Amino acid sequence: MAKERILVGQDDAIVEAAKPLMAKLDAGIELVAVGDGARCIVAFTKLLRAGKPPLLVALDDDLARIDGEGCARAMRAIERAFGADSVAVLFYAAGAADPSRSALLKTLGRAVHLPRREEGTDAQALRMVKAFAKLLKQVRGQ
């Protein structure tokens, strides 16, 4: 059986630390790491074109080339072009969700904010996987 994917626009070290945690949570899910926003948009488009959209997308605000917000807006435009359903988005960003972030989340729909904390890579990976678990339940209607 083919694995389902979570597309992660995030620091590679955090994603690598999250992979074994995710495998324990759900061995049928593969974390696909992309290091910058442009590559994230390309990977997202390829998955949609193949008819295998990711279960969800996690975006760091500080992605290179195209930031998380720009990446999310581009993904929504691509979904509309393909006539695809909106994929859930997890923004991994510094600080609390301010009014502009809250407005963005509302505009995008199916998007949530996970505040980044000053903590080690392993702790960040664990928080991210816990957020994935919560979102996956929602995405799967559990």
C-alpha atoms as a PDB file:
ATOM      1  CA  MET A   1       0.000   0.000   0.000  1.00  0.00           C
ATOM      2  CA  ALA A   2       1.335   3.449  -0.931  1.00  0.00           C
ATOM      3  CA  LYS A   3       2.110   5.785   1.918  1.00  0.00           C
ATOM      4  CA  GLU A   4       0.185   8.960   2.460  1.00  0.00           C
ATOM      5  CA  ARG A   5       2.235  12.134   2.772  1.00  0.00           C
ATOM      6  CA  ILE A   6       2.617  15.178   4.934  1.00  0.00           C
ATOM      7  CA  LEU A   7       4.520  17.889   3.086  1.00  0.00           C
ATOM      8  CA  VAL A   8       6.756  19.811   5.482  1.00  0.00           C
ATOM      9  CA  GLY A   9       8.346  23.138   4.575  1.00  0.00           C
ATOM     10  CA  GLN A  10      10.676  23.262   7.541  1.00  0.00           C
ATOM     11  CA  ASP A  11      14.244  22.975   8.761  1.00  0.00           C
ATOM     12  CA  ASP A  12      15.595  19.594   7.662  1.00  0.00           C
ATOM     13  CA  ALA A  13      16.960  18.744  11.135  1.00  0.00           C
ATOM     14  CA  ILE A  14      13.509  19.084  12.693  1.00  0.00           C
ATOM     15  CA  VAL A  15      11.908  16.968   9.977  1.00  0.00           C
ATOM     16  CA  GLU A  16      14.577  14.274  10.323  1.00  0.00           C
ATOM     17  CA  ALA A  17      13.992  14.181  14.091  1.00  0.00           C
ATOM     18  CA  ALA A  18      10.231  13.968  13.481  1.00  0.00           C
ATOM     19  CA  LYS A  19      10.371  11.058  11.008  1.00  0.00           C
ATOM     20  CA  PRO A  20      10.889   8.232  13.547  1.00  0.00           C
ATOM     21  CA  LEU A  21       8.274   9.769  15.849  1.00  0.00           C
ATOM     22  CA  MET A  22       5.795   9.912  12.980  1.00  0.00           C
ATOM     23  CA  ALA A  23       6.623   6.321  11.993  1.00  0.00           C
ATOM     24  CA  LYS A  24       5.689   5.201  15.528  1.00  0.00           C
ATOM     25  CA  LEU A  25       2.452   7.172  15.387  1.00  0.00           C
ATOM     26  CA  ASP A  26       1.426   6.042  11.897  1.00  0.00           C
ATOM     27  CA  ALA A  27       3.727   3.908   9.741  1.00  0.00           C
ATOM     28  CA  GLY A  28       1.550   4.630   6.704  1.00  0.00           C
ATOM     29  CA  ILE A  29       2.554   8.294   6.601  1.00  0.00           C
ATOM     30  CA  GLU A  30       5.713   9.675   5.054  1.00  0.00           C
ATOM     31  CA  LEU A  31       7.051  13.111   5.969  1.00  0.00           C
ATOM     32  CA  VAL A  32       8.297  14.819   2.809  1.00  0.00           C
ATOM     33  CA  ALA A  33      10.723  17.627   3.653  1.00  0.00           C
ATOM     34  CA  VAL A  34      11.209  20.652   1.435  1.00  0.00           C
ATOM     35  CA  GLY A  35      13.638  23.335   2.534  1.00  0.00           C
ATOM     36  CA  ASP A  36      12.185  26.381   0.805  1.00  0.00           C
ATOM     37  CA  GLY A  37       8.825  27.735  -0.308  1.00  0.00           C
ATOM     38  CA  ALA A  38       9.474  27.452  -4.028  1.00  0.00           C
ATOM     39  CA  ARG A  39      10.346  23.757  -3.712  1.00  0.00           C
ATOM     40  CA  CYS A  40       7.292  23.261  -1.497  1.00  0.00           C
ATOM     41  CA  ILE A  41       5.002  24.695  -4.184  1.00  0.00           C
ATOM     42  CA  VAL A  42       6.608  22.484  -6.838  1.00  0.00           C
ATOM     43  CA  ALA A  43       6.283  19.356  -4.662  1.00  0.00           C
ATOM     44  CA  PHE A  44       2.673  20.232  -3.811  1.00  0.00           C
ATOM     45  CA  THR A  45       1.805  20.703  -7.481  1.00  0.00           C
ATOM     46  CA  LYS A  46       3.433  17.384  -8.440  1.00  0.00           C
ATOM     47  CA  LEU A  47       1.463  15.547  -5.753  1.00  0.00           C
ATOM     48  CA  LEU A  48      -1.819  17.136  -6.890  1.00  0.00           C
ATOM     49  CA  ARG A  49      -1.049  16.392 -10.533  1.00  0.00           C
ATOM     50  CA  ALA A  50      -0.400  12.751  -9.607  1.00  0.00           C
ATOM     51  CA  GLY A  51      -3.756  12.614  -7.832  1.00  0.00           C
ATOM     52  CA  LYS A  52      -2.067  12.069  -4.466  1.00  0.00           C
ATOM     53  CA  PRO A  53      -2.417  15.323  -2.526  1.00  0.00           C
ATOM     54  CA  PRO A  54      -0.720  15.431   0.860  1.00  0.00           C
ATOM     55  CA  LEU A  55      -2.878  14.854   3.922  1.00  0.00           C
ATOM     56  CA  LEU A  56      -1.627  18.160   5.236  1.00  0.00           C
ATOM     57  CA  VAL A  57       1.111  20.710   4.729  1.00  0.00           C
ATOM     58  CA  ALA A  58       3.249  22.223   7.498  1.00  0.00           C
ATOM     59  CA  LEU A  59       4.849  25.561   6.677  1.00  0.00           C
ATOM     60  CA  ASP A  60       7.486  27.512   8.546  1.00  0.00           C
ATOM     61  CA  ASP A  61       7.002  31.271   8.345  1.00  0.00           C
ATOM     62  CA  ASP A  62      10.689  31.698   7.602  1.00  0.00           C
ATOM     63  CA  LEU A  63      10.928  29.537   4.489  1.00  0.00           C
ATOM     64  CA  ALA A  64      13.550  30.732   2.022  1.00  0.00           C
ATOM     65  CA  ARG A  65      12.601  32.163  -1.386  1.00  0.00           C
ATOM     66  CA  ILE A  66       8.846  32.183  -0.676  1.00  0.00           C
ATOM     67  CA  ASP A  67       7.676  32.503   2.939  1.00  0.00           C
ATOM     68  CA  GLY A  68       4.988  30.332   4.513  1.00  0.00           C
ATOM     69  CA  GLU A  69       2.187  32.793   3.812  1.00  0.00           C
ATOM     70  CA  GLY A  70       3.145  33.158   0.144  1.00  0.00           C
ATOM     71  CA  CYS A  71       3.465  29.408  -0.161  1.00  0.00           C
ATOM     72  CA  ALA A  72       0.009  28.821   1.370  1.00  0.00           C
ATOM     73  CA  ARG A  73      -1.617  31.407  -0.882  1.00  0.00           C
ATOM     74  CA  ALA A  74       0.022  29.817  -3.943  1.00  0.00           C
ATOM     75  CA  MET A  75      -1.148  26.356  -2.839  1.00  0.00           C
ATOM     76  CA  ARG A  76      -4.749  27.566  -2.550  1.00  0.00           C
ATOM     77  CA  ALA A  77      -4.554  29.024  -6.082  1.00  0.00           C
ATOM     78  CA  ILE A  78      -3.139  25.737  -7.382  1.00  0.00           C
ATOM     79  CA  GLU A  79      -5.932  23.779  -5.668  1.00  0.00           C
ATOM     80  CA  ARG A  80      -8.519  26.019  -7.347  1.00  0.00           C
ATOM     81  CA  ALA A  81      -6.820  25.516 -10.726  1.00  0.00           C
ATOM     82  CA  PHE A  82      -6.945  21.725 -10.276  1.00  0.00           C
ATOM     83  CA  GLY A  83     -10.454  21.768  -8.814  1.00  0.00           C
ATOM     84  CA  ALA A  84      -9.022  20.039  -5.744  1.00  0.00           C
ATOM     85  CA  ASP A  85     -10.198  20.169  -2.144  1.00  0.00           C
ATOM     86  CA  SER A  86      -8.240  22.381   0.245  1.00  0.00           C
ATOM     87  CA  VAL A  87      -5.441  20.597   2.090  1.00  0.00           C
ATOM     88  CA  ALA A  88      -5.088  21.364   5.794  1.00  0.00           C
ATOM     89  CA  VAL A  89      -2.215  23.747   6.568  1.00  0.00           C
ATOM     90  CA  LEU A  90      -0.243  23.998   9.794  1.00  0.00           C
ATOM     91  CA  PHE A  91       1.715  27.250  10.151  1.00  0.00           C
ATOM     92  CA  TYR A  92       4.741  26.824  12.380  1.00  0.00           C
ATOM     93  CA  ALA A  93       5.545  30.401  13.299  1.00  0.00           C
ATOM     94  CA  ALA A  94       7.157  32.492  15.994  1.00  0.00           C
ATOM     95  CA  GLY A  95       4.879  34.032  18.578  1.00  0.00           C
ATOM     96  CA  ALA A  96       1.151  33.913  19.082  1.00  0.00           C
ATOM     97  CA  ALA A  97      -1.272  34.312  16.218  1.00  0.00           C
ATOM     98  CA  ASP A  98      -1.691  38.078  15.859  1.00  0.00           C
ATOM     99  CA  PRO A  99      -4.712  39.693  14.150  1.00  0.00           C
ATOM    100  CA  SER A 100      -3.074  39.573  10.708  1.00  0.00           C
ATOM    101  CA  ARG A 101      -2.238  35.871  11.161  1.00  0.00           C
ATOM    102  CA  SER A 102      -5.755  35.141  12.381  1.00  0.00           C
ATOM    103  CA  ALA A 103      -7.173  36.922   9.316  1.00  0.00           C
ATOM    104  CA  LEU A 104      -4.867  34.893   7.058  1.00  0.00           C
ATOM    105  CA  LEU A 105      -5.947  31.619   8.676  1.00  0.00           C
ATOM    106  CA  LYS A 106      -9.593  32.565   8.156  1.00  0.00           C
ATOM    107  CA  THR A 107      -8.947  33.564   4.524  1.00  0.00           C
ATOM    108  CA  LEU A 108      -7.142  30.319   3.748  1.00  0.00           C
ATOM    109  CA  GLY A 109      -9.571  28.042   5.566  1.00  0.00           C
ATOM    110  CA  ARG A 110      -8.422  24.663   6.915  1.00  0.00           C
ATOM    111  CA  ALA A 111      -5.360  26.368   8.418  1.00  0.00           C
ATOM    112  CA  VAL A 112      -4.071  26.503  12.000  1.00  0.00           C
ATOM    113  CA  HIS A 113      -1.148  28.106  13.820  1.00  0.00           C
ATOM    114  CA  LEU A 114       1.419  26.282  15.981  1.00  0.00           C
ATOM    115  CA  PRO A 115       3.657  28.750  17.821  1.00  0.00           C
ATOM    116  CA  ARG A 116       7.370  28.089  17.565  1.00  0.00           C
ATOM    117  CA  ARG A 117       9.193  27.978  20.884  1.00  0.00           C
ATOM    118  CA  GLU A 118      12.831  28.410  21.703  1.00  0.00           C
ATOM    119  CA  GLU A 119      13.631  24.751  22.328  1.00  0.00           C
ATOM    120  CA  GLY A 120      15.875  22.039  20.957  1.00  0.00           C
ATOM    121  CA  THR A 121      15.349  20.191  17.712  1.00  0.00           C
ATOM    122  CA  ASP A 122      13.970  17.046  19.366  1.00  0.00           C
ATOM    123  CA  ALA A 123      11.432  19.019  21.406  1.00  0.00           C
ATOM    124  CA  GLN A 124      10.319  20.923  18.298  1.00  0.00           C
ATOM    125  CA  ALA A 125       9.964  17.661  16.377  1.00  0.00           C
ATOM    126  CA  LEU A 126       7.840  16.155  19.153  1.00  0.00           C
ATOM    127  CA  ARG A 127       5.535  19.197  19.299  1.00  0.00           C
ATOM    128  CA  MET A 128       5.164  19.100  15.530  1.00  0.00           C
ATOM    129  CA  VAL A 129       4.272  15.393  15.461  1.00  0.00           C
ATOM    130  CA  LYS A 130       1.729  15.914  18.252  1.00  0.00           C
ATOM    131  CA  ALA A 131       0.158  18.691  16.171  1.00  0.00           C
ATOM    132  CA  PHE A 132       0.155  16.379  13.131  1.00  0.00           C
ATOM    133  CA  ALA A 133      -1.620  13.686  15.149  1.00  0.00           C
ATOM    134  CA  LYS A 134      -4.335  16.130  16.203  1.00  0.00           C
ATOM    135  CA  LEU A 135      -4.809  17.467  12.679  1.00  0.00           C
ATOM    136  CA  LEU A 136      -4.821  14.002  11.134  1.00  0.00           C
ATOM    137  CA  LYS A 137      -7.750  13.036  13.343  1.00  0.00           C
ATOM    138  CA  GLN A 138      -9.637  16.050  12.056  1.00  0.00           C
ATOM    139  CA  VAL A 139      -8.638  15.451   8.429  1.00  0.00           C
ATOM    140  CA  ARG A 140      -9.727  11.830   8.672  1.00  0.00           C
ATOM    141  CA  GLY A 141     -12.949  12.736  10.475  1.00  0.00           C
ATOM    142  CA  GLN A 142     -12.104  10.805  13.640  1.00  0.00           C
END
